[in-house]
Amino acid sequence: MPKLIKDGQLVEDHWTMFEADTELATVLATKAKQVLLPAELWLQHKSELAGLNAKIGLWFASAQNPADFEEDITQFPLIALEFPMFKDGRAYSYAAILRQQLNYNGELRAIGEVLRDQLTYMFRCGFNSFSLADDADVDNCLNGFHDFSENYQSTVSNPTPLFRRRS
């Protein structure tokens, strides 16, 4: 079971995540109370999924812009953004857009290749939960949030830049 850091603590993940190639019938047959669905599946089958007896969250592949779902995005308690590899940082921008422009206040989760060295930056862009690999050292990852005591630029987590904070 993947490890999950949420709001700075290791927690149990109660969401059942479905892969991109999941068939609608599989989702409709689930007994899970919280389902994390591929955004495309939800987009294609909104009406059928509306009757699902579960909380629905969406996960977006790195090539999918959640802003394209602007009219519906705030209805989901969980949005997950994928980091498919170290050098693909589109989810950083998407997280900031969700928080700052689309006013998304729910859980924003980093999934995929979530690395300890990037946790501070992910947090500063608006992520508040992080799905870690099974072999990740959780204590080391939790320490990763304290690598830097200050940030110079404005961020989602601290919108005032350092030069404005200095008296």
Foldseek 3Di string as FASTA:
>chain_A
DWWKAFQLRTDDDLEAEDDPPDDPVVQQPDPRQHYEYEPVVCVVPVPVCVPRNHQYEYEYELVDQCVVVLVCHQSHQEYEYEDQDDPRDSVLVSLLCCVPVSVRDHAYEYDHPDDLLCPLSSVQSHHRMYTHDPPDDVVSSSCSVVPDPADQAAGSVRRDGPVVVDD
